Amino acid sequence: MSDDDGDRFDDDGGTALATKPKPKTKRPPLYKVMLLNDDYTPMEFVVLVLERFFGIGHAQATEIMLTVHKKGLAVVGVFPFEIAETKVSQVMDFARRHQHPLQCTMEKEE
């Protein structure tokens, strides 16, 4: 009979378990969702979009809207790809239905 029953022995003659290293899971890349300024979309509509699609309170939505207005764009959230893509699509569809040229884009976060 063989003494080899699949156990591993360490240098002291005791048994040691052979373990496989667990693969490290990598976090998915994140994407910034941004609103871009234009000369036609009413400020109140931008605030509504921020409240409705990003769950931002009225005061903070107003601040972000003013940042978009003054600086030309603002990051309104950072999400995994599928969520960012959905938010951009929802905002663009909502803006078109209300006949506003509001632009919403996304880009990979560095």
Protein backbone atom coordinates (compact mmCIF):
# COMPACT_ATOMS: atom_id res chain seq x y z
CA MET A 1 0.00 0.00 0.00
CA SER A 2 1.09 3.50 -0.70
CA ASP A 3 1.34 6.14 1.98
CA ASP A 4 0.55 8.79 -0.61
CA ASP A 5 -3.09 9.66 -0.02
CA GLY A 6 -2.92 13.12 -1.57
CA ASP A 7 -1.70 14.93 1.55
CA ARG A 8 1.24 17.26 1.29
CA PHE A 9 4.00 17.08 3.87
CA ASP A 10 5.97 20.05 5.11
CA ASP A 11 9.66 19.89 6.05
CA ASP A 12 8.85 18.88 9.65
CA GLY A 13 6.97 15.79 8.56
CA GLY A 14 3.53 17.31 9.37
CA THR A 15 0.78 17.81 6.88
CA ALA A 16 0.15 21.11 5.11
CA LEU A 17 -2.76 22.03 2.88
CA ALA A 18 -2.14 22.88 -0.72
CA THR A 19 -4.18 25.97 -1.50
CA LYS A 20 -4.71 27.71 -4.76
CA PRO A 21 -4.32 31.48 -4.67
CA LYS A 22 -7.64 33.21 -5.15
CA PRO A 23 -7.77 35.37 -8.24
CA LYS A 24 -8.17 39.00 -7.36
CA THR A 25 -11.31 40.48 -8.77
CA LYS A 26 -10.82 43.82 -10.40
CA ARG A 27 -13.32 46.61 -9.90
CA PRO A 28 -15.09 47.60 -13.11
CA PRO A 29 -13.93 50.85 -14.68
CA LEU A 30 -16.01 53.88 -13.78
CA TYR A 31 -17.39 56.50 -16.14
CA LYS A 32 -18.09 60.18 -15.53
CA VAL A 33 -21.49 61.40 -16.70
CA MET A 34 -21.42 65.06 -17.72
CA LEU A 35 -23.94 67.68 -18.75
CA LEU A 36 -22.89 70.23 -21.35
CA ASN A 37 -24.06 73.82 -21.53
CA ASP A 38 -26.07 75.19 -24.43
CA ASP A 39 -27.79 78.51 -25.07
CA TYR A 40 -31.32 77.14 -25.36
CA THR A 41 -32.15 74.64 -22.61
CA PRO A 42 -33.87 76.40 -19.69
CA MET A 43 -32.03 76.28 -16.38
CA GLU A 44 -35.14 74.91 -14.67
CA PHE A 45 -35.15 71.96 -17.07
CA VAL A 46 -31.53 71.13 -16.20
CA VAL A 47 -32.42 71.21 -12.49
CA LEU A 48 -35.37 68.88 -13.20
CA VAL A 49 -33.08 66.44 -15.05
CA LEU A 50 -30.59 66.40 -12.17
CA GLU A 51 -33.32 65.76 -9.63
CA ARG A 52 -35.16 63.13 -11.68
CA PHE A 53 -32.33 61.05 -13.17
CA PHE A 54 -29.53 61.54 -10.65
CA GLY A 55 -31.48 61.79 -7.39
CA ILE A 56 -29.89 65.12 -6.52
CA GLY A 57 -31.68 67.48 -4.15
CA HIS A 58 -32.98 70.82 -5.42
CA ALA A 59 -30.28 73.00 -3.83
CA GLN A 60 -27.40 70.85 -5.08
CA ALA A 61 -29.05 70.47 -8.50
CA THR A 62 -29.21 74.25 -8.75
CA GLU A 63 -25.49 74.50 -7.88
CA ILE A 64 -24.57 71.92 -10.51
CA MET A 65 -26.77 73.64 -13.10
CA LEU A 66 -24.95 76.93 -12.41
CA THR A 67 -21.59 75.17 -12.80
CA VAL A 68 -22.73 73.82 -16.17
CA HIS A 69 -23.89 77.31 -17.14
CA LYS A 70 -20.69 79.09 -16.07
CA LYS A 71 -18.02 76.51 -16.93
CA GLY A 72 -19.60 74.81 -19.92
CA LEU A 73 -19.93 71.38 -18.34
CA ALA A 74 -20.11 69.57 -15.03
CA VAL A 75 -19.68 65.99 -13.87
CA VAL A 76 -23.00 64.91 -12.38
CA GLY A 77 -22.06 61.39 -11.34
CA VAL A 78 -19.58 58.53 -11.65
CA PHE A 79 -20.94 55.07 -12.43
CA PRO A 80 -20.07 51.66 -13.89
CA PHE A 81 -20.38 51.59 -17.69
CA GLU A 82 -23.92 50.18 -17.99
CA ILE A 83 -25.39 52.60 -15.46
CA ALA A 84 -23.59 55.59 -17.01
CA GLU A 85 -24.79 54.57 -20.47
CA THR A 86 -28.36 54.25 -19.21
CA LYS A 87 -28.28 57.66 -17.50
CA VAL A 88 -26.95 59.34 -20.65
CA SER A 89 -29.64 57.67 -22.75
CA GLN A 90 -32.42 58.61 -20.32
CA VAL A 91 -31.34 62.26 -20.17
CA MET A 92 -30.96 62.56 -23.94
CA ASP A 93 -34.35 60.93 -24.59
CA PHE A 94 -36.06 63.13 -21.99
CA ALA A 95 -34.47 66.28 -23.45
CA ARG A 96 -35.51 65.37 -27.00
CA ARG A 97 -39.08 64.62 -25.92
CA HIS A 98 -39.22 68.11 -24.42
CA GLN A 99 -37.53 69.61 -27.49
CA HIS A 100 -34.39 70.78 -25.70
CA PRO A 101 -30.87 70.43 -27.14
CA LEU A 102 -29.35 69.42 -23.78
CA GLN A 103 -26.30 67.21 -24.22
CA CYS A 104 -25.24 64.51 -21.78
CA THR A 105 -22.03 62.53 -22.32
CA MET A 106 -19.83 60.04 -20.54
CA GLU A 107 -16.13 59.34 -20.46
CA LYS A 108 -13.94 56.81 -18.72
CA GLU A 109 -12.57 57.99 -15.41
CA GLU A 110 -8.80 57.98 -15.21
